C-alpha atoms as a PDB file:
ATOM      1  CA  UNK A   1       0.953  27.236 -62.111  1.00  0.00           C
ATOM      2  CA  UNK A   2       1.557  28.452 -58.567  1.00  0.00           C
ATOM      3  CA  UNK A   3       4.236  26.681 -56.486  1.00  0.00           C
ATOM      4  CA  UNK A   4       3.195  26.205 -52.861  1.00  0.00           C
ATOM      5  CA  UNK A   5       5.746  23.685 -51.553  1.00  0.00           C
ATOM      6  CA  UNK A   6       2.949  21.635 -50.068  1.00  0.00           C
ATOM      7  CA  UNK A   7       5.175  19.167 -48.228  1.00  0.00           C
ATOM      8  CA  UNK A   8       6.936  21.835 -46.198  1.00  0.00           C
ATOM      9  CA  UNK A   9       3.671  23.692 -45.467  1.00  0.00           C
ATOM     10  CA  UNK A  10       1.950  20.535 -44.313  1.00  0.00           C
ATOM     11  CA  UNK A  11       4.883  19.557 -42.109  1.00  0.00           C
ATOM     12  CA  UNK A  12       5.003  23.005 -40.545  1.00  0.00           C
ATOM     13  CA  UNK A  13       1.266  22.919 -39.805  1.00  0.00           C
ATOM     14  CA  UNK A  14       1.411  19.361 -38.493  1.00  0.00           C
ATOM     15  CA  UNK A  15       4.242  20.323 -36.150  1.00  0.00           C
ATOM     16  CA  UNK A  16       2.151  23.187 -34.727  1.00  0.00           C
ATOM     17  CA  UNK A  17      -0.996  21.048 -34.398  1.00  0.00           C
ATOM     18  CA  UNK A  18       0.935  18.261 -32.666  1.00  0.00           C
ATOM     19  CA  UNK A  19       2.225  20.753 -30.114  1.00  0.00           C
ATOM     20  CA  UNK A  20      -1.314  22.062 -29.563  1.00  0.00           C
ATOM     21  CA  UNK A  21      -2.617  18.654 -28.470  1.00  0.00           C
ATOM     22  CA  UNK A  22      -4.436  18.750 -25.162  1.00  0.00           C
ATOM     23  CA  UNK A  23      -6.167  22.015 -26.013  1.00  0.00           C
ATOM     24  CA  UNK A  24      -9.937  22.203 -26.434  1.00  0.00           C
ATOM     25  CA  UNK A  25     -11.884  22.900 -29.622  1.00  0.00           C
ATOM     26  CA  UNK A  26     -10.420  25.114 -32.307  1.00  0.00           C
ATOM     27  CA  UNK A  27      -7.320  25.730 -30.226  1.00  0.00           C
ATOM     28  CA  UNK A  28      -6.373  22.191 -31.153  1.00  0.00           C
ATOM     29  CA  UNK A  29      -7.771  22.001 -34.701  1.00  0.00           C
ATOM     30  CA  UNK A  30      -7.386  25.397 -36.377  1.00  0.00           C
ATOM     31  CA  UNK A  31      -3.900  26.396 -37.452  1.00  0.00           C
ATOM     32  CA  UNK A  32      -4.192  30.103 -36.648  1.00  0.00           C
ATOM     33  CA  UNK A  33      -5.503  29.684 -33.091  1.00  0.00           C
ATOM     34  CA  UNK A  34      -3.243  26.677 -32.511  1.00  0.00           C
ATOM     35  CA  UNK A  35      -0.243  28.810 -33.462  1.00  0.00           C
ATOM     36  CA  UNK A  36      -1.273  31.444 -30.908  1.00  0.00           C
ATOM     37  CA  UNK A  37      -1.691  28.776 -28.241  1.00  0.00           C
ATOM     38  CA  UNK A  38       1.722  27.238 -28.954  1.00  0.00           C
ATOM     39  CA  UNK A  39       3.529  30.587 -28.921  1.00  0.00           C
ATOM     40  CA  UNK A  40       1.807  31.561 -25.678  1.00  0.00           C
ATOM     41  CA  UNK A  41       2.619  28.183 -24.150  1.00  0.00           C
ATOM     42  CA  UNK A  42       6.265  28.545 -25.118  1.00  0.00           C
ATOM     43  CA  UNK A  43       6.494  31.918 -23.391  1.00  0.00           C
ATOM     44  CA  UNK A  44       4.917  30.491 -20.223  1.00  0.00           C
ATOM     45  CA  UNK A  45       7.336  27.547 -20.352  1.00  0.00           C
ATOM     46  CA  UNK A  46      10.316  29.900 -20.681  1.00  0.00           C
ATOM     47  CA  UNK A  47       9.193  31.975 -17.703  1.00  0.00           C
ATOM     48  CA  UNK A  48       8.360  28.821 -15.746  1.00  0.00           C
ATOM     49  CA  UNK A  49      11.885  27.473 -16.108  1.00  0.00           C
ATOM     50  CA  UNK A  50      13.227  30.634 -14.470  1.00  0.00           C
ATOM     51  CA  UNK A  51      10.558  30.582 -11.729  1.00  0.00           C
ATOM     52  CA  UNK A  52      11.342  26.965 -10.912  1.00  0.00           C
ATOM     53  CA  UNK A  53      14.903  27.904  -9.955  1.00  0.00           C
ATOM     54  CA  UNK A  54      13.634  30.720  -7.696  1.00  0.00           C
ATOM     55  CA  UNK A  55      11.041  28.522  -6.033  1.00  0.00           C
ATOM     56  CA  UNK A  56      13.520  25.755  -5.263  1.00  0.00           C
ATOM     57  CA  UNK A  57      15.974  28.248  -3.785  1.00  0.00           C
ATOM     58  CA  UNK A  58      13.184  29.608  -1.545  1.00  0.00           C
ATOM     59  CA  UNK A  59      12.345  26.059  -0.463  1.00  0.00           C
ATOM     60  CA  UNK A  60      15.968  25.264   0.407  1.00  0.00           C
ATOM     61  CA  UNK A  61      16.333  28.504   2.374  1.00  0.00           C
ATOM     62  CA  UNK A  62      13.136  27.758   4.310  1.00  0.00           C
ATOM     63  CA  UNK A  63      14.355  24.255   5.187  1.00  0.00           C
ATOM     64  CA  UNK A  64      17.813  25.411   6.255  1.00  0.00           C
ATOM     65  CA  UNK A  65      16.263  28.230   8.274  1.00  0.00           C
ATOM     66  CA  UNK A  66      13.962  25.822  10.133  1.00  0.00           C
ATOM     67  CA  UNK A  67      16.828  23.438  10.862  1.00  0.00           C
ATOM     68  CA  UNK A  68      19.073  26.277  12.075  1.00  0.00           C
ATOM     69  CA  UNK A  69      16.292  27.546  14.380  1.00  0.00           C
ATOM     70  CA  UNK A  70      16.178  24.096  16.014  1.00  0.00           C
ATOM     71  CA  UNK A  71      19.824  24.675  16.964  1.00  0.00           C
ATOM     72  CA  UNK A  72      19.274  28.190  18.308  1.00  0.00           C
ATOM     73  CA  UNK A  73      20.439  30.203  15.307  1.00  0.00           C
ATOM     74  CA  UNK A  74      18.679  32.150  12.629  1.00  0.00           C
ATOM     75  CA  UNK A  75      19.342  31.657   8.930  1.00  0.00           C
ATOM     76  CA  UNK A  76      21.588  34.658   8.378  1.00  0.00           C
ATOM     77  CA  UNK A  77      23.795  33.802  11.381  1.00  0.00           C
ATOM     78  CA  UNK A  78      24.030  30.204  10.171  1.00  0.00           C
ATOM     79  CA  UNK A  79      25.024  31.143   6.623  1.00  0.00           C
ATOM     80  CA  UNK A  80      27.529  33.688   7.925  1.00  0.00           C
ATOM     81  CA  UNK A  81      29.084  30.960  10.067  1.00  0.00           C
ATOM     82  CA  UNK A  82      29.154  28.568   7.102  1.00  0.00           C
ATOM     83  CA  UNK A  83      31.137  31.108   5.090  1.00  0.00           C
ATOM     84  CA  UNK A  84      33.504  31.903   7.997  1.00  0.00           C
ATOM     85  CA  UNK A  85      34.201  28.239   8.731  1.00  0.00           C
ATOM     86  CA  UNK A  86      35.088  27.617   5.084  1.00  0.00           C
ATOM     87  CA  UNK A  87      32.409  24.976   4.513  1.00  0.00           C
ATOM     88  CA  UNK A  88      31.534  24.894   0.821  1.00  0.00           C
ATOM     89  CA  UNK A  89      28.071  23.350   0.814  1.00  0.00           C
ATOM     90  CA  UNK A  90      25.326  25.018  -1.182  1.00  0.00           C
ATOM     91  CA  UNK A  91      21.774  25.575   0.029  1.00  0.00           C
ATOM     92  CA  UNK A  92      20.446  22.482  -1.729  1.00  0.00           C
ATOM     93  CA  UNK A  93      23.023  20.261  -0.059  1.00  0.00           C
ATOM     94  CA  UNK A  94      22.399  21.891   3.323  1.00  0.00           C
ATOM     95  CA  UNK A  95      18.640  21.378   3.023  1.00  0.00           C
ATOM     96  CA  UNK A  96      19.067  17.717   2.057  1.00  0.00           C
ATOM     97  CA  UNK A  97      21.440  17.278   4.977  1.00  0.00           C
ATOM     98  CA  UNK A  98      18.956  18.884   7.374  1.00  0.00           C
ATOM     99  CA  UNK A  99      16.247  16.432   6.279  1.00  0.00           C
ATOM    100  CA  UNK A 100      18.118  13.168   5.778  1.00  0.00           C
ATOM    101  CA  UNK A 101      21.143  13.516   8.088  1.00  0.00           C
ATOM    102  CA  UNK A 102      20.140  15.405  11.266  1.00  0.00           C
ATOM    103  CA  UNK A 103      23.232  14.203  13.188  1.00  0.00           C
ATOM    104  CA  UNK A 104      25.513  15.534  10.477  1.00  0.00           C
ATOM    105  CA  UNK A 105      23.638  18.822  10.461  1.00  0.00           C
ATOM    106  CA  UNK A 106      24.044  19.055  14.240  1.00  0.00           C
ATOM    107  CA  UNK A 107      27.805  18.524  13.871  1.00  0.00           C
ATOM    108  CA  UNK A 108      27.850  21.174  11.161  1.00  0.00           C
ATOM    109  CA  UNK A 109      26.010  23.588  13.463  1.00  0.00           C
ATOM    110  CA  UNK A 110      28.621  23.039  16.173  1.00  0.00           C
ATOM    111  CA  UNK A 111      31.398  23.937  13.707  1.00  0.00           C
ATOM    112  CA  UNK A 112      29.462  27.032  12.658  1.00  0.00           C
ATOM    113  CA  UNK A 113      29.022  28.150  16.287  1.00  0.00           C
ATOM    114  CA  UNK A 114      32.736  27.630  16.915  1.00  0.00           C
ATOM    115  CA  UNK A 115      33.608  29.708  13.834  1.00  0.00           C
ATOM    116  CA  UNK A 116      31.262  32.503  14.935  1.00  0.00           C
ATOM    117  CA  UNK A 117      32.577  32.631  18.498  1.00  0.00           C
ATOM    118  CA  UNK A 118      36.249  32.846  17.459  1.00  0.00           C
END
């Protein structure tokens, strides 16, 4: 008699098929194509997690750049002034400040200009 360990095989297949839900046709029902779909989806998810970080950084830089332009500076001058003045805010915090606290951002810009002129 051949031992197949049916419980483990069934659980493994069920796990794959559950992860393939939302696919169409055999990609959802057939174990071989479902496995391909799941593996491919995992690789896209891995890459997507890295891309998400890049995209958010680009968004923050764009927002800070636009806010700095409103105060007569470009982005690189502004960030240089931030470093020189010893302000330790990251790009995410600066972009949130530019949107939700314009007065605070204006005060920050004045400090940056003072640090650049000295």
